[in-house]
Protein backbone atom coordinates (compact mmCIF):
# COMPACT_ATOMS: atom_id res chain seq x y z
CA MET A 1 83.21 95.14 109.67
CA LEU A 2 84.25 93.21 112.76
CA ALA A 3 84.36 96.44 114.76
CA TYR A 4 80.90 97.45 113.54
CA ALA A 5 79.52 94.01 114.34
CA ALA A 6 80.88 94.28 117.90
CA GLN A 7 79.11 97.59 118.58
CA GLY A 8 75.64 96.13 119.00
CA LEU A 9 73.98 98.84 116.90
CA PRO A 10 70.35 98.29 115.84
CA THR A 11 70.86 100.26 112.60
CA ASP A 12 73.50 102.09 110.60
CA GLN A 13 71.20 105.08 110.20
CA GLY A 14 72.23 108.32 111.89
CA SER A 15 75.77 107.40 112.86
CA SER A 16 79.18 108.07 111.38
CA THR A 17 80.12 104.41 111.82
CA GLY A 18 77.02 103.48 109.83
CA LEU A 19 78.09 105.76 106.99
CA GLN A 20 81.56 104.24 107.10
CA LEU A 21 80.07 100.75 107.02
CA ARG A 22 78.01 101.44 103.90
CA ASP A 23 80.99 103.08 102.23
CA PHE A 24 83.14 100.07 103.08
CA LEU A 25 80.52 97.68 101.68
CA TRP A 26 80.26 99.69 98.44
CA ARG A 27 84.05 99.77 98.09
CA SER A 28 84.24 96.04 98.83
CA ARG A 29 81.62 95.42 96.18
CA ALA A 30 83.60 97.39 93.61
CA ALA A 31 86.84 95.61 94.52
CA LEU A 32 85.28 92.17 94.10
CA THR A 33 84.03 92.85 90.60
CA GLY A 34 86.42 91.37 88.05
CA LEU A 35 88.74 89.51 90.43
CA SER A 36 88.95 86.42 88.25
CA GLU A 37 89.90 88.57 85.27
CA VAL A 38 92.77 90.04 87.29
CA VAL A 39 94.07 86.56 88.15
CA THR A 40 93.80 85.52 84.50
CA ALA A 41 95.66 88.65 83.39
CA VAL A 42 98.48 87.97 85.86
CA VAL A 43 98.75 84.34 84.70
CA GLU A 44 99.02 85.50 81.10
CA ARG A 45 101.36 88.41 81.82
CA ASP A 46 103.73 86.26 83.88
CA ALA A 47 103.26 83.09 81.77
CA LEU A 48 102.53 81.06 84.91
CA LYS A 49 102.49 77.30 84.47
CA PRO A 50 100.53 75.13 84.47
CA ALA A 51 98.10 77.76 83.27
CA GLU A 52 95.10 75.44 83.24
CA HIS A 53 95.27 75.13 87.04
CA TYR A 54 95.28 78.90 87.45
CA TYR A 55 92.38 79.25 85.02
CA ALA A 56 90.39 76.62 86.91
CA PHE A 57 91.05 78.48 90.14
CA ALA A 58 90.01 81.76 88.49
CA ARG A 59 86.63 80.14 87.77
CA VAL A 60 86.31 79.14 91.45
CA LEU A 61 87.29 82.65 92.50
CA ASP A 62 84.67 84.08 90.14
CA ALA A 63 81.92 81.88 91.57
CA ASP A 64 82.88 82.67 95.15
CA ALA A 65 83.10 86.40 94.40
CA ARG A 66 79.64 86.33 92.81
CA ALA A 67 78.19 84.57 95.87
CA ALA A 68 79.83 87.06 98.24
CA LEU A 69 78.61 89.95 96.06
CA ALA A 70 75.05 88.65 96.28
CA SER A 71 75.35 88.63 100.07
CA ILE A 72 76.79 92.14 100.15
CA ASP A 73 74.09 93.40 97.78
CA LEU A 74 71.40 91.90 100.00
CA VAL A 75 72.83 93.68 103.04
CA LEU A 76 73.19 96.97 101.17
CA ALA A 77 69.55 96.75 100.07
CA GLN A 78 68.37 96.90 103.68
CA PRO A 79 67.12 100.27 104.95
CA GLY A 80 68.97 99.69 108.20
CA ILE A 81 72.03 97.53 108.74
CA SER A 82 72.35 96.25 112.29
CA SER A 83 75.53 95.02 113.91
CA GLN A 84 73.95 91.56 114.04
CA LEU A 85 73.35 91.62 110.28
CA VAL A 86 77.00 92.52 109.68
CA ASP A 87 78.06 89.79 112.09
CA ASN A 88 76.05 87.31 110.02
CA LEU A 89 77.60 88.65 106.80
CA ASN A 90 81.06 88.21 108.30
CA ALA A 91 80.17 84.62 109.20
CA SER A 92 78.76 83.88 105.76
CA ILE A 93 80.37 80.86 104.15
CA HIS A 94 80.44 82.79 100.88
CA VAL A 95 82.48 85.64 102.32
CA ARG A 96 84.77 83.22 104.14
CA ALA A 97 85.31 81.15 100.99
CA LEU A 98 86.19 84.28 99.04
CA LEU A 99 88.65 85.44 101.70
CA THR A 100 90.29 82.02 101.73
CA ASP A 101 90.54 82.11 97.93
CA LEU A 102 92.21 85.52 98.11
CA PHE A 103 94.69 84.40 100.79
CA LEU A 104 95.53 81.32 98.72
CA ILE A 105 96.09 83.07 95.40
CA ASP A 106 97.95 85.94 97.07
CA GLU A 107 100.42 83.54 98.66
CA ILE A 108 100.88 81.62 95.41
CA LEU A 109 101.37 84.74 93.29
CA LYS A 110 103.85 86.18 95.79
CA SER A 111 105.88 82.99 95.57
CA GLN A 112 105.80 83.20 91.73
CA ALA A 113 106.91 86.84 91.55
CA PRO A 114 110.39 87.38 90.16
CA SER A 115 112.98 88.32 92.75
CA PRO A 116 114.47 91.84 92.51
CA SER A 117 117.71 90.36 91.16
CA GLN A 118 115.78 88.82 88.23
CA SER A 119 114.13 92.12 87.23
């Protein structure tokens, strides 16, 4: 999305990069659906403690994912998606919060994963 935003295109219509952008947004939308359930499943599967902290974070992740999804849906609803619109989506506090959530939980879950010698 950063590359698309940098192109200065007035619309996504009629270009291969525009088709790629819409496909990326649809795939992003699908990937964001159910994220909190995935975190909850990992916490339960791996019996992570203290579970209540992970569950509280899963609720934050769910709220941030819903806000980012609303932004993505709004962009996808537009007949033409300009580079400027994508630049604004990239800058959205909702998208940034979600990305930060994902970086945080990814780092924590990696540190909680059993080492190969424990498997």
